Amino acid sequence: MYKIFNLYKMQVLPLSALRADISSMIDRVQQGETVRILRHGKPVADLVPVQETPSARQPSWKQPFEPVALPPQASLVQAVLHEREVGA
């Protein structure tokens, strides 16, 4: 009835076919395939499997850090000026 193309483990089908058989397409995606959805013959979306491993790299501003430890009676301004002089 509908043309469903197999390209490198990818199903390509019109939106009407997806609506008619969404559960089997979700099963295919769960098995690792990609499903490309067409509307009026043009690709509009890809259903892809969820990546199991989250990205190991976080932006530096999201990474935990150690709080600045200042000696007693020292001001933050003095510590910053000292770091600038030392080049740390």
N, C-alpha and C. Protein backbone atom coordinates (compact mmCIF):
# COMPACT_ATOMS: atom_id res chain seq x y z
N MET A 1 0.83 -1.19 0.00
CA MET A 1 0.00 0.00 0.00
C MET A 1 0.87 1.26 0.00
N TYR A 2 1.76 1.40 1.01
CA TYR A 2 2.68 2.53 1.06
C TYR A 2 4.08 2.05 0.73
N LYS A 3 4.83 2.92 0.13
CA LYS A 3 6.22 2.58 -0.15
C LYS A 3 7.03 2.84 1.11
N ILE A 4 7.68 1.82 1.61
CA ILE A 4 8.56 1.94 2.77
C ILE A 4 9.93 1.51 2.31
N PHE A 5 10.87 2.44 2.33
CA PHE A 5 12.21 2.19 1.82
C PHE A 5 13.13 1.79 2.96
N ASN A 6 14.00 0.83 2.72
CA ASN A 6 15.02 0.44 3.70
C ASN A 6 16.35 1.01 3.26
N LEU A 7 16.84 2.01 3.97
CA LEU A 7 18.14 2.62 3.68
C LEU A 7 18.98 2.60 4.94
N TYR A 8 19.99 1.75 4.97
CA TYR A 8 20.91 1.73 6.10
C TYR A 8 20.19 1.69 7.45
N LYS A 9 19.35 0.71 7.64
CA LYS A 9 18.56 0.56 8.86
C LYS A 9 17.67 1.77 9.11
N MET A 10 17.16 2.39 8.05
CA MET A 10 16.27 3.52 8.22
C MET A 10 14.96 3.25 7.47
N GLN A 11 13.87 3.40 8.17
CA GLN A 11 12.56 3.31 7.55
C GLN A 11 12.16 4.70 7.09
N VAL A 12 11.67 4.83 5.88
CA VAL A 12 11.17 6.09 5.35
C VAL A 12 9.71 5.86 5.01
N LEU A 13 8.82 6.64 5.64
CA LEU A 13 7.41 6.43 5.39
C LEU A 13 6.64 7.73 5.54
N PRO A 14 5.49 7.81 4.86
CA PRO A 14 4.67 9.01 4.97
C PRO A 14 4.02 9.11 6.35
N LEU A 15 3.63 10.32 6.70
CA LEU A 15 3.01 10.57 7.99
C LEU A 15 1.74 9.74 8.18
N SER A 16 0.98 9.55 7.15
CA SER A 16 -0.25 8.76 7.26
C SER A 16 0.05 7.31 7.64
N ALA A 17 1.14 6.75 7.12
CA ALA A 17 1.51 5.38 7.48
C ALA A 17 2.00 5.32 8.92
N LEU A 18 2.69 6.36 9.37
CA LEU A 18 3.12 6.41 10.76
C LEU A 18 1.92 6.45 11.70
N ARG A 19 0.95 7.28 11.38
CA ARG A 19 -0.26 7.37 12.20
C ARG A 19 -0.98 6.03 12.28
N ALA A 20 -0.99 5.31 11.18
CA ALA A 20 -1.70 4.04 11.14
C ALA A 20 -0.99 2.95 11.93
N ASP A 21 0.34 3.06 12.07
CA ASP A 21 1.10 1.96 12.67
C ASP A 21 2.22 2.48 13.57
N ILE A 22 1.89 3.42 14.46
CA ILE A 22 2.91 4.06 15.29
C ILE A 22 3.59 3.07 16.23
N SER A 23 2.86 2.12 16.78
CA SER A 23 3.48 1.23 17.78
C SER A 23 4.57 0.36 17.16
N SER A 24 4.37 -0.12 15.94
CA SER A 24 5.42 -0.93 15.32
C SER A 24 6.63 -0.07 14.95
N MET A 25 6.39 1.20 14.61
CA MET A 25 7.52 2.08 14.31
C MET A 25 8.32 2.39 15.57
N ILE A 26 7.64 2.57 16.70
CA ILE A 26 8.32 2.77 17.98
C ILE A 26 9.13 1.52 18.33
N ASP A 27 8.58 0.34 18.05
CA ASP A 27 9.32 -0.90 18.29
C ASP A 27 10.60 -0.94 17.46
N ARG A 28 10.53 -0.50 16.21
CA ARG A 28 11.70 -0.49 15.33
C ARG A 28 12.76 0.48 15.87
N VAL A 29 12.32 1.63 16.33
CA VAL A 29 13.25 2.61 16.88
C VAL A 29 13.89 2.05 18.15
N GLN A 30 13.11 1.36 18.95
CA GLN A 30 13.63 0.76 20.18
C GLN A 30 14.69 -0.30 19.87
N GLN A 31 14.59 -0.94 18.71
CA GLN A 31 15.56 -1.95 18.29
C GLN A 31 16.80 -1.33 17.65
N GLY A 32 16.83 0.01 17.53
CA GLY A 32 18.02 0.68 17.02
C GLY A 32 17.87 1.28 15.64
N GLU A 33 16.74 1.13 15.00
CA GLU A 33 16.55 1.69 13.66
C GLU A 33 16.15 3.16 13.75
N THR A 34 16.30 3.87 12.66
CA THR A 34 15.84 5.24 12.54
C THR A 34 14.66 5.26 11.59
N VAL A 35 13.64 6.02 11.92
CA VAL A 35 12.45 6.13 11.08
C VAL A 35 12.35 7.58 10.60
N ARG A 36 12.38 7.78 9.28
CA ARG A 36 12.23 9.11 8.70
C ARG A 36 10.78 9.28 8.28
N ILE A 37 10.20 10.41 8.67
CA ILE A 37 8.79 10.68 8.39
C ILE A 37 8.70 11.72 7.29
N LEU A 38 7.87 11.43 6.30
CA LEU A 38 7.67 12.33 5.17
C LEU A 38 6.30 12.98 5.25
N ARG A 39 6.22 14.24 4.86
CA ARG A 39 4.93 14.92 4.70
C ARG A 39 4.93 15.48 3.29
N HIS A 40 3.97 15.07 2.51
CA HIS A 40 3.88 15.46 1.10
C HIS A 40 5.16 15.13 0.35
N GLY A 41 5.77 13.99 0.70
CA GLY A 41 6.95 13.52 0.01
C GLY A 41 8.26 14.15 0.45
N LYS A 42 8.22 15.06 1.43
CA LYS A 42 9.44 15.71 1.90
C LYS A 42 9.73 15.30 3.34
N PRO A 43 10.99 15.03 3.66
CA PRO A 43 11.33 14.64 5.04
C PRO A 43 11.05 15.78 6.01
N VAL A 44 10.39 15.45 7.12
CA VAL A 44 10.09 16.46 8.13
C VAL A 44 10.62 16.09 9.51
N ALA A 45 10.86 14.80 9.77
CA ALA A 45 11.34 14.40 11.09
C ALA A 45 12.01 13.04 11.02
N ASP A 46 12.90 12.80 11.97
CA ASP A 46 13.52 11.49 12.15
C ASP A 46 13.24 11.02 13.57
N LEU A 47 12.76 9.80 13.70
CA LEU A 47 12.66 9.17 15.01
C LEU A 47 13.92 8.37 15.19
N VAL A 48 14.69 8.69 16.21
CA VAL A 48 15.97 8.02 16.45
C VAL A 48 15.99 7.42 17.84
N PRO A 49 16.76 6.34 18.04
CA PRO A 49 16.86 5.75 19.37
C PRO A 49 17.52 6.72 20.36
N VAL A 50 17.13 6.62 21.59
CA VAL A 50 17.72 7.45 22.64
C VAL A 50 19.13 6.95 22.92
N GLN A 51 20.06 7.86 23.09
CA GLN A 51 21.43 7.51 23.43
C GLN A 51 21.45 7.04 24.88
N GLU A 52 22.01 5.86 25.11
CA GLU A 52 22.04 5.29 26.46
C GLU A 52 23.02 6.00 27.37
N THR A 53 24.17 6.41 26.83
CA THR A 53 25.18 7.03 27.67
C THR A 53 25.08 8.54 27.52
N PRO A 54 24.93 9.25 28.62
CA PRO A 54 24.90 10.71 28.51
C PRO A 54 26.29 11.23 28.17
N SER A 55 26.33 12.42 27.69
CA SER A 55 27.61 13.02 27.33
C SER A 55 28.49 13.12 28.56
N ALA A 56 29.72 12.62 28.45
CA ALA A 56 30.63 12.61 29.59
C ALA A 56 31.19 14.01 29.85
N ARG A 57 31.22 14.84 28.85
CA ARG A 57 31.81 16.17 29.01
C ARG A 57 30.74 17.19 29.37
N GLN A 58 30.99 17.92 30.44
CA GLN A 58 30.12 19.01 30.85
C GLN A 58 30.82 20.34 30.59
N PRO A 59 30.06 21.38 30.36
CA PRO A 59 30.70 22.69 30.25
C PRO A 59 31.39 23.03 31.57
N SER A 60 32.43 23.81 31.49
CA SER A 60 33.22 24.12 32.69
C SER A 60 32.39 24.81 33.76
N TRP A 61 31.40 25.61 33.36
CA TRP A 61 30.61 26.31 34.36
C TRP A 61 29.65 25.39 35.11
N LYS A 62 29.44 24.16 34.60
CA LYS A 62 28.59 23.20 35.29
C LYS A 62 29.40 22.24 36.16
N GLN A 63 30.69 22.21 36.01
CA GLN A 63 31.52 21.27 36.75
C GLN A 63 31.70 21.75 38.19
N PRO A 64 31.73 20.81 39.13
CA PRO A 64 31.92 21.21 40.53
C PRO A 64 33.31 21.80 40.74
N PHE A 65 33.43 22.65 41.73
CA PHE A 65 34.72 23.27 42.01
C PHE A 65 34.90 23.40 43.51
N GLU A 66 36.15 23.55 43.89
CA GLU A 66 36.49 23.74 45.30
C GLU A 66 36.33 25.22 45.65
N PRO A 67 35.73 25.50 46.78
CA PRO A 67 35.62 26.92 47.17
C PRO A 67 37.00 27.50 47.48
N VAL A 68 37.10 28.79 47.31
CA VAL A 68 38.37 29.47 47.57
C VAL A 68 38.62 29.49 49.08
N ALA A 69 39.79 29.03 49.47
CA ALA A 69 40.17 29.04 50.88
C ALA A 69 41.12 30.20 51.13
N LEU A 70 40.66 31.16 51.89
CA LEU A 70 41.48 32.33 52.21
C LEU A 70 42.06 32.18 53.61
N PRO A 71 43.28 32.64 53.79
CA PRO A 71 43.83 32.63 55.14
C PRO A 71 43.03 33.59 56.03
N PRO A 72 43.08 33.36 57.33
CA PRO A 72 42.35 34.28 58.23
C PRO A 72 42.85 35.71 58.05
N GLN A 73 41.96 36.64 58.17
CA GLN A 73 42.26 38.08 58.08
C GLN A 73 42.62 38.52 56.66
N ALA A 74 42.50 37.66 55.64
CA ALA A 74 42.83 38.05 54.26
C ALA A 74 41.56 38.42 53.53
N SER A 75 41.68 39.36 52.62
CA SER A 75 40.51 39.76 51.84
C SER A 75 40.58 39.09 50.47
N LEU A 76 39.44 38.96 49.84
CA LEU A 76 39.38 38.36 48.51
C LEU A 76 40.15 39.20 47.50
N VAL A 77 40.10 40.50 47.65
CA VAL A 77 40.81 41.39 46.74
C VAL A 77 42.31 41.12 46.82
N GLN A 78 42.84 40.97 48.03
CA GLN A 78 44.26 40.69 48.19
C GLN A 78 44.63 39.35 47.55
N ALA A 79 43.77 38.34 47.69
CA ALA A 79 44.04 37.03 47.12
C ALA A 79 44.06 37.10 45.60
N VAL A 80 43.13 37.85 45.00
CA VAL A 80 43.10 37.99 43.54
C VAL A 80 44.34 38.72 43.04
N LEU A 81 44.72 39.80 43.73
CA LEU A 81 45.92 40.53 43.33
C LEU A 81 47.17 39.66 43.45
N HIS A 82 47.23 38.85 44.49
CA HIS A 82 48.37 37.94 44.65
C HIS A 82 48.43 36.92 43.52
N GLU A 83 47.27 36.35 43.13
CA GLU A 83 47.23 35.38 42.03
C GLU A 83 47.69 36.04 40.73
N ARG A 84 47.31 37.27 40.51
CA ARG A 84 47.72 37.98 39.29
C ARG A 84 49.23 38.16 39.26
N GLU A 85 49.80 38.47 40.41
CA GLU A 85 51.25 38.69 40.48
C GLU A 85 52.00 37.37 40.26
N VAL A 86 51.51 36.31 40.87
CA VAL A 86 52.17 35.01 40.78
C VAL A 86 51.95 34.36 39.42
N GLY A 87 50.80 34.64 38.83
CA GLY A 87 50.49 34.06 37.53
C GLY A 87 49.85 32.69 37.65
N ALA A 88 49.20 32.39 38.75
CA ALA A 88 48.60 31.07 38.96
C ALA A 88 47.26 30.97 38.31
